[in-house]
C-alpha atoms as a PDB file:
ATOM      1  CA  MET A   1      15.723   1.936   0.175  1.00  0.00           C
ATOM      2  CA  PHE A   2      18.290   1.108   2.851  1.00  0.00           C
ATOM      3  CA  PHE A   3      17.362  -1.800   5.091  1.00  0.00           C
ATOM      4  CA  GLY A   4      19.079  -3.366   8.052  1.00  0.00           C
ATOM      5  CA  SER A   5      19.801  -7.063   8.417  1.00  0.00           C
ATOM      6  CA  ASP A   6      16.253  -7.790   9.614  1.00  0.00           C
ATOM      7  CA  ASP A   7      14.749  -6.111   6.515  1.00  0.00           C
ATOM      8  CA  LYS A   8      13.564  -3.017   8.366  1.00  0.00           C
ATOM      9  CA  PRO A   9      14.870   0.491   7.608  1.00  0.00           C
ATOM     10  CA  ALA A  10      17.787   1.501   9.821  1.00  0.00           C
ATOM     11  CA  SER A  11      15.906   4.697  10.720  1.00  0.00           C
ATOM     12  CA  ILE A  12      12.657   6.354   9.727  1.00  0.00           C
ATOM     13  CA  VAL A  13      14.609   9.365   8.449  1.00  0.00           C
ATOM     14  CA  GLU A  14      16.599   7.164   6.059  1.00  0.00           C
ATOM     15  CA  ALA A  15      13.446   5.301   5.051  1.00  0.00           C
ATOM     16  CA  VAL A  16      11.802   8.531   3.887  1.00  0.00           C
ATOM     17  CA  ASN A  17      14.937  10.096   2.397  1.00  0.00           C
ATOM     18  CA  GLU A  18      15.580   7.046   0.230  1.00  0.00           C
ATOM     19  CA  LEU A  19      12.105   6.911  -1.307  1.00  0.00           C
ATOM     20  CA  PRO A  20      12.243   7.484  -5.088  1.00  0.00           C
ATOM     21  CA  GLU A  21      11.189  10.786  -6.591  1.00  0.00           C
ATOM     22  CA  SER A  22      10.183   9.241  -9.921  1.00  0.00           C
ATOM     23  CA  GLY A  23       9.603   5.898 -11.609  1.00  0.00           C
ATOM     24  CA  VAL A  24       6.700   3.598 -12.397  1.00  0.00           C
ATOM     25  CA  THR A  25       5.333   3.642  -8.838  1.00  0.00           C
ATOM     26  CA  ILE A  26       5.212   7.424  -8.754  1.00  0.00           C
ATOM     27  CA  TYR A  27       3.641   7.694 -12.207  1.00  0.00           C
ATOM     28  CA  ALA A  28       0.984   5.148 -11.272  1.00  0.00           C
ATOM     29  CA  LEU A  29       0.151   7.046  -8.092  1.00  0.00           C
ATOM     30  CA  LYS A  30       0.001  10.356  -9.923  1.00  0.00           C
ATOM     31  CA  ALA A  31      -2.492   8.753 -12.298  1.00  0.00           C
ATOM     32  CA  LEU A  32      -4.858   8.356  -9.327  1.00  0.00           C
ATOM     33  CA  ASP A  33      -4.909  12.070  -8.584  1.00  0.00           C
ATOM     34  CA  PHE A  34      -8.498  12.108  -9.845  1.00  0.00           C
ATOM     35  CA  VAL A  35      -9.408  10.136  -6.696  1.00  0.00           C
ATOM     36  CA  VAL A  36      -7.458  12.297  -4.240  1.00  0.00           C
ATOM     37  CA  PRO A  37      -7.016  15.585  -6.156  1.00  0.00           C
ATOM     38  CA  ASP A  38      -4.056  17.589  -4.849  1.00  0.00           C
ATOM     39  CA  GLU A  39      -4.036  15.626  -1.576  1.00  0.00           C
ATOM     40  CA  TRP A  40      -0.850  13.619  -2.073  1.00  0.00           C
ATOM     41  CA  ASN A  41       2.632  15.042  -2.365  1.00  0.00           C
ATOM     42  CA  ASN A  42       5.445  12.619  -3.032  1.00  0.00           C
ATOM     43  CA  THR A  43       7.540  13.930  -0.162  1.00  0.00           C
ATOM     44  CA  THR A  44      10.862  12.094  -0.087  1.00  0.00           C
ATOM     45  CA  ASP A  45      12.719  14.254   2.411  1.00  0.00           C
ATOM     46  CA  PHE A  46      12.086  13.824   6.132  1.00  0.00           C
ATOM     47  CA  ASP A  47      12.799  17.461   7.000  1.00  0.00           C
ATOM     48  CA  THR A  48      10.315  18.624   4.377  1.00  0.00           C
ATOM     49  CA  LEU A  49       7.755  16.127   5.650  1.00  0.00           C
ATOM     50  CA  MET A  50       8.132  17.482   9.190  1.00  0.00           C
ATOM     51  CA  ARG A  51       7.383  20.995   7.960  1.00  0.00           C
ATOM     52  CA  GLU A  52       4.355  19.774   5.998  1.00  0.00           C
ATOM     53  CA  VAL A  53       2.932  17.779   8.915  1.00  0.00           C
ATOM     54  CA  THR A  54       3.607  20.299  11.683  1.00  0.00           C
ATOM     55  CA  GLY A  55       3.448  23.647   9.890  1.00  0.00           C
ATOM     56  CA  GLU A  56       6.544  24.588  11.913  1.00  0.00           C
ATOM     57  CA  ASP A  57       9.667  26.292  10.568  1.00  0.00           C
ATOM     58  CA  ASP A  58      11.678  26.629  13.785  1.00  0.00           C
ATOM     59  CA  ASP A  59      14.800  24.573  13.013  1.00  0.00           C
ATOM     60  CA  GLU A  60      15.649  23.919  16.658  1.00  0.00           C
ATOM     61  CA  PHE A  61      12.145  22.638  17.418  1.00  0.00           C
ATOM     62  CA  LEU A  62      12.152  20.523  14.257  1.00  0.00           C
ATOM     63  CA  GLU A  63      15.442  18.909  15.278  1.00  0.00           C
ATOM     64  CA  GLU A  64      13.840  17.936  18.599  1.00  0.00           C
ATOM     65  CA  ILE A  65      10.889  16.433  16.724  1.00  0.00           C
ATOM     66  CA  LYS A  66      13.223  14.485  14.438  1.00  0.00           C
ATOM     67  CA  ALA A  67      15.203  13.109  17.383  1.00  0.00           C
ATOM     68  CA  LYS A  68      12.008  12.057  19.149  1.00  0.00           C
ATOM     69  CA  ALA A  69      10.626  10.432  16.003  1.00  0.00           C
ATOM     70  CA  GLU A  70      13.837   8.443  15.548  1.00  0.00           C
ATOM     71  CA  GLU A  71      13.744   7.409  19.207  1.00  0.00           C
ATOM     72  CA  LEU A  72      10.152   6.185  18.908  1.00  0.00           C
ATOM     73  CA  TYR A  73      10.882   4.301  15.697  1.00  0.00           C
ATOM     74  CA  ALA A  74      13.960   2.608  17.184  1.00  0.00           C
ATOM     75  CA  ASP A  75      11.947   1.346  20.184  1.00  0.00           C
ATOM     76  CA  GLU A  76      10.973  -2.223  19.253  1.00  0.00           C
ATOM     77  CA  GLU A  77       8.227  -2.136  21.871  1.00  0.00           C
ATOM     78  CA  GLU A  78       6.451   0.290  19.570  1.00  0.00           C
ATOM     79  CA  GLY A  79       4.855  -0.989  16.374  1.00  0.00           C
ATOM     80  CA  TYR A  80       6.384   1.346  13.804  1.00  0.00           C
ATOM     81  CA  GLN A  81       9.132  -0.967  12.584  1.00  0.00           C
ATOM     82  CA  THR A  82       6.634  -3.811  12.198  1.00  0.00           C
ATOM     83  CA  ALA A  83       4.249  -1.575  10.255  1.00  0.00           C
ATOM     84  CA  ILE A  84       7.015  -0.696   7.793  1.00  0.00           C
ATOM     85  CA  LYS A  85       7.869  -4.371   7.409  1.00  0.00           C
ATOM     86  CA  ILE A  86       4.217  -5.265   6.738  1.00  0.00           C
ATOM     87  CA  PHE A  87       3.863  -2.571   4.090  1.00  0.00           C
ATOM     88  CA  LYS A  88       7.037  -3.834   2.391  1.00  0.00           C
ATOM     89  CA  MET A  89       6.126  -7.529   2.552  1.00  0.00           C
ATOM     90  CA  VAL A  90       2.859  -7.110   0.674  1.00  0.00           C
ATOM     91  CA  ASP A  91       4.598  -5.514  -2.296  1.00  0.00           C
ATOM     92  CA  THR A  92       7.630  -7.795  -2.399  1.00  0.00           C
ATOM     93  CA  ALA A  93       5.664 -10.832  -3.552  1.00  0.00           C
ATOM     94  CA  ASP A  94       4.400  -8.951  -6.611  1.00  0.00           C
ATOM     95  CA  MET A  95       7.620  -7.304  -7.748  1.00  0.00           C
ATOM     96  CA  ALA A  96       9.716 -10.076  -9.324  1.00  0.00           C
ATOM     97  CA  LEU A  97       9.916  -8.105 -12.569  1.00  0.00           C
ATOM     98  CA  GLY A  98      10.003  -4.659 -11.042  1.00  0.00           C
ATOM     99  CA  ALA A  99      13.676  -3.990 -11.700  1.00  0.00           C
ATOM    100  CA  ALA A 100      13.171  -4.563 -15.412  1.00  0.00           C
ATOM    101  CA  ALA A 101      10.331  -2.071 -15.497  1.00  0.00           C
ATOM    102  CA  MET A 102      12.316   0.634 -13.775  1.00  0.00           C
ATOM    103  CA  ALA A 103      15.158   0.315 -16.288  1.00  0.00           C
ATOM    104  CA  ASP A 104      13.137   1.821 -19.123  1.00  0.00           C
ATOM    105  CA  LYS A 105      11.852   5.023 -17.548  1.00  0.00           C
ATOM    106  CA  LEU A 106      12.283   8.165 -19.617  1.00  0.00           C
ATOM    107  CA  ALA A 107      11.512  11.684 -18.343  1.00  0.00           C
ATOM    108  CA  ASP A 108       7.794  11.771 -17.487  1.00  0.00           C
ATOM    109  CA  SER A 109       6.834   8.774 -19.592  1.00  0.00           C
ATOM    110  CA  VAL A 110       7.386   5.061 -19.049  1.00  0.00           C
ATOM    111  CA  GLY A 111       6.989   2.607 -21.900  1.00  0.00           C
ATOM    112  CA  PHE A 112       4.844  -0.493 -21.639  1.00  0.00           C
ATOM    113  CA  LEU A 113       7.820  -2.800 -21.534  1.00  0.00           C
ATOM    114  CA  SER A 114       8.645  -5.731 -23.744  1.00  0.00           C
ATOM    115  CA  PHE A 115       8.444  -8.137 -20.841  1.00  0.00           C
ATOM    116  CA  MET A 116       4.644  -7.686 -20.989  1.00  0.00           C
ATOM    117  CA  LYS A 117       4.536 -10.748 -23.199  1.00  0.00           C
ATOM    118  CA  ASP A 118       6.009 -12.771 -20.325  1.00  0.00           C
ATOM    119  CA  LEU A 119       3.419 -11.639 -17.770  1.00  0.00           C
ATOM    120  CA  THR A 120       0.592 -13.962 -16.856  1.00  0.00           C
ATOM    121  CA  PRO A 121      -2.447 -12.293 -15.298  1.00  0.00           C
ATOM    122  CA  LYS A 122      -3.464 -13.858 -12.011  1.00  0.00           C
ATOM    123  CA  ALA A 123      -6.515 -16.067 -11.778  1.00  0.00           C
ATOM    124  CA  ASP A 124      -9.482 -14.407 -10.069  1.00  0.00           C
ATOM    125  CA  THR A 125      -9.047 -16.537  -6.958  1.00  0.00           C
ATOM    126  CA  VAL A 126      -5.373 -15.635  -6.558  1.00  0.00           C
ATOM    127  CA  GLN A 127      -6.064 -11.947  -7.193  1.00  0.00           C
ATOM    128  CA  SER A 128      -8.942 -12.004  -4.697  1.00  0.00           C
ATOM    129  CA  ILE A 129      -6.759 -13.543  -1.990  1.00  0.00           C
ATOM    130  CA  ASP A 130      -4.021 -10.990  -2.714  1.00  0.00           C
ATOM    131  CA  LEU A 131      -6.444  -8.074  -2.415  1.00  0.00           C
ATOM    132  CA  ALA A 132      -7.998  -9.378   0.804  1.00  0.00           C
ATOM    133  CA  ILE A 133      -4.556  -9.882   2.333  1.00  0.00           C
ATOM    134  CA  LYS A 134      -3.592  -6.351   1.300  1.00  0.00           C
ATOM    135  CA  ILE A 135      -6.637  -5.021   3.174  1.00  0.00           C
ATOM    136  CA  THR A 136      -5.681  -7.209   6.139  1.00  0.00           C
ATOM    137  CA  ALA A 137      -2.145  -5.815   5.992  1.00  0.00           C
ATOM    138  CA  GLU A 138      -3.524  -2.276   6.040  1.00  0.00           C
ATOM    139  CA  LEU A 139      -5.557  -3.175   9.141  1.00  0.00           C
ATOM    140  CA  LEU A 140      -2.563  -4.770  10.876  1.00  0.00           C
ATOM    141  CA  ALA A 141      -0.259  -1.847  10.054  1.00  0.00           C
ATOM    142  CA  PHE A 142      -2.927   0.565  11.340  1.00  0.00           C
ATOM    143  CA  THR A 143      -3.117  -1.275  14.656  1.00  0.00           C
ATOM    144  CA  LYS A 144       0.683  -1.394  14.989  1.00  0.00           C
ATOM    145  CA  ILE A 145       1.009   2.337  14.295  1.00  0.00           C
ATOM    146  CA  ASN A 146      -1.735   3.173  16.770  1.00  0.00           C
ATOM    147  CA  GLY A 147      -0.820   0.630  19.441  1.00  0.00           C
ATOM    148  CA  ILE A 148      -4.183  -1.142  19.526  1.00  0.00           C
ATOM    149  CA  PRO A 149      -5.126  -4.853  19.283  1.00  0.00           C
ATOM    150  CA  GLY A 150      -4.917  -6.474  15.859  1.00  0.00           C
ATOM    151  CA  ASP A 151      -8.614  -7.369  15.800  1.00  0.00           C
ATOM    152  CA  SER A 152      -9.833  -3.786  16.239  1.00  0.00           C
ATOM    153  CA  PHE A 153     -12.014  -3.947  13.123  1.00  0.00           C
ATOM    154  CA  GLY A 154     -14.357  -1.189  14.243  1.00  0.00           C
ATOM    155  CA  ASP A 155     -11.529   1.238  14.990  1.00  0.00           C
ATOM    156  CA  PHE A 156     -10.000   0.528  11.591  1.00  0.00           C
ATOM    157  CA  VAL A 157     -13.175   0.996   9.580  1.00  0.00           C
ATOM    158  CA  GLY A 158     -13.928   4.176  11.512  1.00  0.00           C
ATOM    159  CA  ALA A 159     -10.455   5.503  10.769  1.00  0.00           C
ATOM    160  CA  LEU A 160     -10.795   4.801   7.033  1.00  0.00           C
ATOM    161  CA  GLY A 161     -13.315   7.610   6.811  1.00  0.00           C
ATOM    162  CA  ASN A 162     -10.630  10.008   8.034  1.00  0.00           C
ATOM    163  CA  TYR A 163      -7.880   8.758   5.729  1.00  0.00           C
ATOM    164  CA  ALA A 164      -6.232  11.552   3.741  1.00  0.00           C
ATOM    165  CA  GLY A 165      -3.086  12.195   1.739  1.00  0.00           C
ATOM    166  CA  GLU A 166      -0.826   9.205   1.233  1.00  0.00           C
ATOM    167  CA  SER A 167      -3.100   6.881   3.253  1.00  0.00           C
ATOM    168  CA  LYS A 168      -6.108   7.684   1.093  1.00  0.00           C
ATOM    169  CA  MET A 169      -3.923   7.315  -2.005  1.00  0.00           C
ATOM    170  CA  ARG A 170      -2.916   3.836  -0.837  1.00  0.00           C
ATOM    171  CA  MET A 171      -6.552   2.791  -0.563  1.00  0.00           C
ATOM    172  CA  ALA A 172      -7.181   4.264  -4.022  1.00  0.00           C
ATOM    173  CA  GLY A 173      -4.377   2.041  -5.284  1.00  0.00           C
ATOM    174  CA  ILE A 174      -5.938  -1.059  -3.742  1.00  0.00           C
ATOM    175  CA  VAL A 175      -9.332  -0.285  -5.254  1.00  0.00           C
ATOM    176  CA  ALA A 176      -8.006   0.710  -8.699  1.00  0.00           C
ATOM    177  CA  PHE A 177      -4.975  -1.488  -9.296  1.00  0.00           C
ATOM    178  CA  ASP A 178      -5.838  -4.567  -7.229  1.00  0.00           C
ATOM    179  CA  GLY A 179      -9.622  -4.433  -7.554  1.00  0.00           C
ATOM    180  CA  VAL A 180     -11.192  -2.739 -10.560  1.00  0.00           C
ATOM    181  CA  LEU A 181      -8.537  -3.440 -13.214  1.00  0.00           C
ATOM    182  CA  PRO A 182      -8.042  -7.175 -12.666  1.00  0.00           C
ATOM    183  CA  LEU A 183     -11.462  -8.118 -11.246  1.00  0.00           C
ATOM    184  CA  GLY A 184     -13.980  -5.653 -12.670  1.00  0.00           C
ATOM    185  CA  PRO A 185     -16.389  -3.092 -11.191  1.00  0.00           C
ATOM    186  CA  ASP A 186     -18.043  -5.567  -8.812  1.00  0.00           C
ATOM    187  CA  PHE A 187     -14.735  -6.771  -7.395  1.00  0.00           C
ATOM    188  CA  ALA A 188     -15.740  -6.384  -3.737  1.00  0.00           C
ATOM    189  CA  GLU A 189     -18.559  -8.912  -4.095  1.00  0.00           C
ATOM    190  CA  LEU A 190     -16.331 -11.212  -6.143  1.00  0.00           C
ATOM    191  CA  VAL A 191     -13.576 -11.142  -3.527  1.00  0.00           C
ATOM    192  CA  MET A 192     -16.039 -11.942  -0.748  1.00  0.00           C
ATOM    193  CA  ASP A 193     -17.459 -14.854  -2.752  1.00  0.00           C
ATOM    194  CA  LYS A 194     -13.973 -16.220  -3.470  1.00  0.00           C
ATOM    195  CA  LEU A 195     -12.993 -15.983   0.194  1.00  0.00           C
ATOM    196  CA  GLN A 196     -16.081 -17.962   1.195  1.00  0.00           C
ATOM    197  CA  SER A 197     -15.342 -20.801  -1.227  1.00  0.00           C
ATOM    198  CA  VAL A 198     -11.541 -20.916  -1.449  1.00  0.00           C
ATOM    199  CA  SER A 199      -9.797 -24.061  -0.233  1.00  0.00           C
ATOM    200  CA  ILE A 200      -7.178 -23.867   2.500  1.00  0.00           C
ATOM    201  CA  ASP A 201      -4.476 -25.269   0.221  1.00  0.00           C
ATOM    202  CA  LYS A 202      -5.047 -22.387  -2.250  1.00  0.00           C
ATOM    203  CA  VAL A 203      -4.499 -19.941   0.593  1.00  0.00           C
ATOM    204  CA  GLU A 204      -1.386 -21.737   1.845  1.00  0.00           C
ATOM    205  CA  ASP A 205       0.063 -21.699  -1.698  1.00  0.00           C
ATOM    206  CA  ASN A 206      -0.474 -17.951  -2.093  1.00  0.00           C
ATOM    207  CA  SER A 207       2.871 -16.115  -2.096  1.00  0.00           C
ATOM    208  CA  VAL A 208       1.493 -13.006  -0.372  1.00  0.00           C
ATOM    209  CA  PHE A 209      -0.112 -15.155   2.340  1.00  0.00           C
ATOM    210  CA  GLN A 210       3.179 -16.982   2.884  1.00  0.00           C
ATOM    211  CA  LYS A 211       4.990 -13.697   3.475  1.00  0.00           C
ATOM    212  CA  MET A 212       2.281 -12.212   5.699  1.00  0.00           C
ATOM    213  CA  SER A 213       1.242 -15.323   7.615  1.00  0.00           C
ATOM    214  CA  GLU A 214       3.295 -14.694  10.743  1.00  0.00           C
ATOM    215  CA  TYR A 215       1.543 -11.364  11.318  1.00  0.00           C
ATOM    216  CA  ILE A 216      -2.023 -12.556  10.715  1.00  0.00           C
ATOM    217  CA  PRO A 217      -3.735 -13.610  13.975  1.00  0.00           C
ATOM    218  CA  GLY A 218      -4.750 -17.247  14.285  1.00  0.00           C
ATOM    219  CA  ILE A 219      -3.261 -20.718  14.625  1.00  0.00           C
ATOM    220  CA  GLY A 220      -2.925 -22.393  11.269  1.00  0.00           C
ATOM    221  CA  ALA A 221      -4.098 -21.359   7.822  1.00  0.00           C
ATOM    222  CA  ALA A 222      -7.795 -21.964   8.532  1.00  0.00           C
ATOM    223  CA  GLU A 223      -7.901 -19.527  11.459  1.00  0.00           C
ATOM    224  CA  LYS A 224      -5.804 -16.996   9.582  1.00  0.00           C
ATOM    225  CA  LEU A 225      -8.174 -17.237   6.597  1.00  0.00           C
ATOM    226  CA  GLY A 226     -11.028 -16.634   9.028  1.00  0.00           C
ATOM    227  CA  PHE A 227      -9.324 -13.431  10.173  1.00  0.00           C
ATOM    228  CA  ILE A 228      -8.789 -12.319   6.563  1.00  0.00           C
ATOM    229  CA  LYS A 229     -12.487 -12.937   5.804  1.00  0.00           C
ATOM    230  CA  GLU A 230     -13.526 -10.938   8.834  1.00  0.00           C
ATOM    231  CA  ALA A 231     -11.164  -8.074   8.006  1.00  0.00           C
ATOM    232  CA  PHE A 232     -12.430  -7.871   4.424  1.00  0.00           C
ATOM    233  CA  GLY A 233     -16.033  -8.323   5.487  1.00  0.00           C
ATOM    234  CA  HIS A 234     -15.813  -5.333   7.834  1.00  0.00           C
ATOM    235  CA  THR A 235     -14.121  -3.225   5.156  1.00  0.00           C
ATOM    236  CA  LYS A 236     -16.165  -4.265   2.117  1.00  0.00           C
ATOM    237  CA  GLY A 237     -18.896  -1.655   2.548  1.00  0.00           C
ATOM    238  CA  TRP A 238     -16.414   1.191   2.873  1.00  0.00           C
ATOM    239  CA  ILE A 239     -14.514  -0.033  -0.201  1.00  0.00           C
ATOM    240  CA  SER A 240     -17.665  -0.176  -2.323  1.00  0.00           C
ATOM    241  CA  ASP A 241     -18.725   3.307  -1.192  1.00  0.00           C
ATOM    242  CA  PHE A 242     -15.227   4.678  -1.848  1.00  0.00           C
ATOM    243  CA  GLN A 243     -15.239   3.208  -5.354  1.00  0.00           C
ATOM    244  CA  SER A 244     -18.691   4.594  -6.127  1.00  0.00           C
ATOM    245  CA  GLU A 245     -18.198   8.046  -4.598  1.00  0.00           C
ATOM    246  CA  ASN A 246     -14.959   8.582  -6.524  1.00  0.00           C
ATOM    247  CA  ASN A 247     -16.219   7.001  -9.748  1.00  0.00           C
ATOM    248  CA  ILE A 248     -13.248   4.645  -9.949  1.00  0.00           C
ATOM    249  CA  ASN A 249     -13.763   2.684 -13.152  1.00  0.00           C
ATOM    250  CA  SER A 250     -11.465   0.993 -15.643  1.00  0.00           C
ATOM    251  CA  GLU A 251     -11.846   3.626 -18.357  1.00  0.00           C
ATOM    252  CA  LYS A 252     -10.825   6.477 -16.046  1.00  0.00           C
ATOM    253  CA  ILE A 253      -7.917   4.472 -14.641  1.00  0.00           C
ATOM    254  CA  ILE A 254      -6.543   3.532 -18.072  1.00  0.00           C
ATOM    255  CA  ASN A 255      -7.002   7.045 -19.484  1.00  0.00           C
ATOM    256  CA  SER A 256      -5.222   8.566 -16.510  1.00  0.00           C
ATOM    257  CA  LEU A 257      -2.417   5.985 -16.547  1.00  0.00           C
ATOM    258  CA  SER A 258      -1.907   6.689 -20.256  1.00  0.00           C
ATOM    259  CA  GLU A 259      -0.894  10.252 -19.403  1.00  0.00           C
ATOM    260  CA  TYR A 260       2.158   8.905 -17.575  1.00  0.00           C
ATOM    261  CA  ILE A 261       2.787   5.419 -18.949  1.00  0.00           C
ATOM    262  CA  SER A 262       2.778   4.511 -22.652  1.00  0.00           C
ATOM    263  CA  LEU A 263       0.463   1.523 -22.749  1.00  0.00           C
ATOM    264  CA  ALA A 264       1.045  -0.669 -25.779  1.00  0.00           C
ATOM    265  CA  ASP A 265      -1.811  -2.901 -24.667  1.00  0.00           C
ATOM    266  CA  THR A 266      -4.835  -1.899 -22.609  1.00  0.00           C
ATOM    267  CA  LYS A 267      -6.186  -5.337 -21.724  1.00  0.00           C
ATOM    268  CA  LEU A 268      -7.133  -4.728 -18.134  1.00  0.00           C
ATOM    269  CA  ASP A 269      -5.760  -7.911 -16.596  1.00  0.00           C
ATOM    270  CA  TYR A 270      -2.402  -7.381 -18.317  1.00  0.00           C
ATOM    271  CA  VAL A 271      -2.212  -3.773 -17.150  1.00  0.00           C
ATOM    272  CA  ALA A 272      -2.933  -5.002 -13.616  1.00  0.00           C
ATOM    273  CA  ALA A 273      -0.167  -7.618 -13.956  1.00  0.00           C
ATOM    274  CA  PHE A 274       2.247  -4.940 -15.195  1.00  0.00           C
ATOM    275  CA  LEU A 275       1.456  -2.732 -12.198  1.00  0.00           C
ATOM    276  CA  ASP A 276       1.866  -5.677  -9.822  1.00  0.00           C
ATOM    277  CA  ALA A 277       5.295  -6.403 -11.237  1.00  0.00           C
ATOM    278  CA  SER A 278       6.429  -2.798 -11.562  1.00  0.00           C
ATOM    279  CA  THR A 279       5.203  -0.893  -8.517  1.00  0.00           C
ATOM    280  CA  ASN A 280       5.549  -0.885  -4.752  1.00  0.00           C
ATOM    281  CA  TYR A 281       2.929   1.778  -4.030  1.00  0.00           C
ATOM    282  CA  PHE A 282       1.920   0.052  -0.789  1.00  0.00           C
ATOM    283  CA  GLU A 283       5.405   0.262   0.712  1.00  0.00           C
ATOM    284  CA  HIS A 284       6.040   3.737  -0.704  1.00  0.00           C
ATOM    285  CA  THR A 285       2.932   5.396   0.716  1.00  0.00           C
ATOM    286  CA  GLY A 286       3.090   3.194   3.816  1.00  0.00           C
ATOM    287  CA  THR A 287       6.525   4.574   4.655  1.00  0.00           C
ATOM    288  CA  GLN A 288       5.171   8.102   4.301  1.00  0.00           C
ATOM    289  CA  THR A 289       2.229   7.220   6.564  1.00  0.00           C
ATOM    290  CA  VAL A 290       4.410   5.756   9.309  1.00  0.00           C
ATOM    291  CA  ALA A 291       6.699   8.787   9.189  1.00  0.00           C
ATOM    292  CA  SER A 292       3.774  11.226   9.337  1.00  0.00           C
ATOM    293  CA  ARG A 293       2.214   9.467  12.334  1.00  0.00           C
ATOM    294  CA  LEU A 294       5.584   9.401  14.092  1.00  0.00           C
ATOM    295  CA  ILE A 295       6.025  13.130  13.517  1.00  0.00           C
ATOM    296  CA  GLU A 296       2.539  13.859  14.868  1.00  0.00           C
ATOM    297  CA  ARG A 297       3.266  11.831  17.984  1.00  0.00           C
ATOM    298  CA  ALA A 298       6.716  13.348  18.433  1.00  0.00           C
ATOM    299  CA  VAL A 299       5.214  16.856  18.379  1.00  0.00           C
ATOM    300  CA  ASN A 300       2.988  15.904  21.299  1.00  0.00           C
ATOM    301  CA  GLU A 301       5.828  14.344  23.286  1.00  0.00           C
ATOM    302  CA  VAL A 302       8.575  16.937  22.772  1.00  0.00           C
END
């Protein structure tokens, strides 16, 4: 993906057009189709996305929408650039080995790569902090996209019930890849327990926290941890219901992944580590979400 000097895409059109059409991230997302059946299309062309979002086919009108969307994205007073940056930041900390994974893709199958032996699954505490920060990032990106205060927990939880398409797929990824696989079926309770007992130094040492810290409300790590706890606490019930209603369990996840990725080892924590290192599903679907919301707004303002 093309990024400017401040690590944000030069334009929302380029951000969408440079999303990959295939690779480990796409295969992993396709494996979650059982959660959001036929809801997510990996649209990697901005013009196509405009037609999907608006239902319009008038080229002149669509050009006006595109121009307005680019204008809104370029306006730093709006929150769209920051939302993109937040989505990207969360994934970056987990992708040190991602380039190696992408090198071995073949047609519609990706091998479980030899570097698996070098992966170390995260401890439960680290994984719990990562997941909670990912939920916090989703909240913060939501507020930036919608121009509302960062502590609008009620608005966020209410909106989760209306998530669809790529946004719903992103939440499926959090539940499946960051929750169920590494932490087990009761991960929501485990994460809450870990957040209540974790020491501040553990939080400050967390690589995802270090990247996200400047965007999390609060002065100092203790206040920021308090915000993370509150964000996860408000979301925990929805997450548990989402997991239960869609029957997201390790067996279904592994079986579905195996249709796209050749797993040489199915130890759940190692599969989770592989996905951490090999995918950027948060940034990928986040870019599609920001673009879709921009298009919807542009339609109303043209």
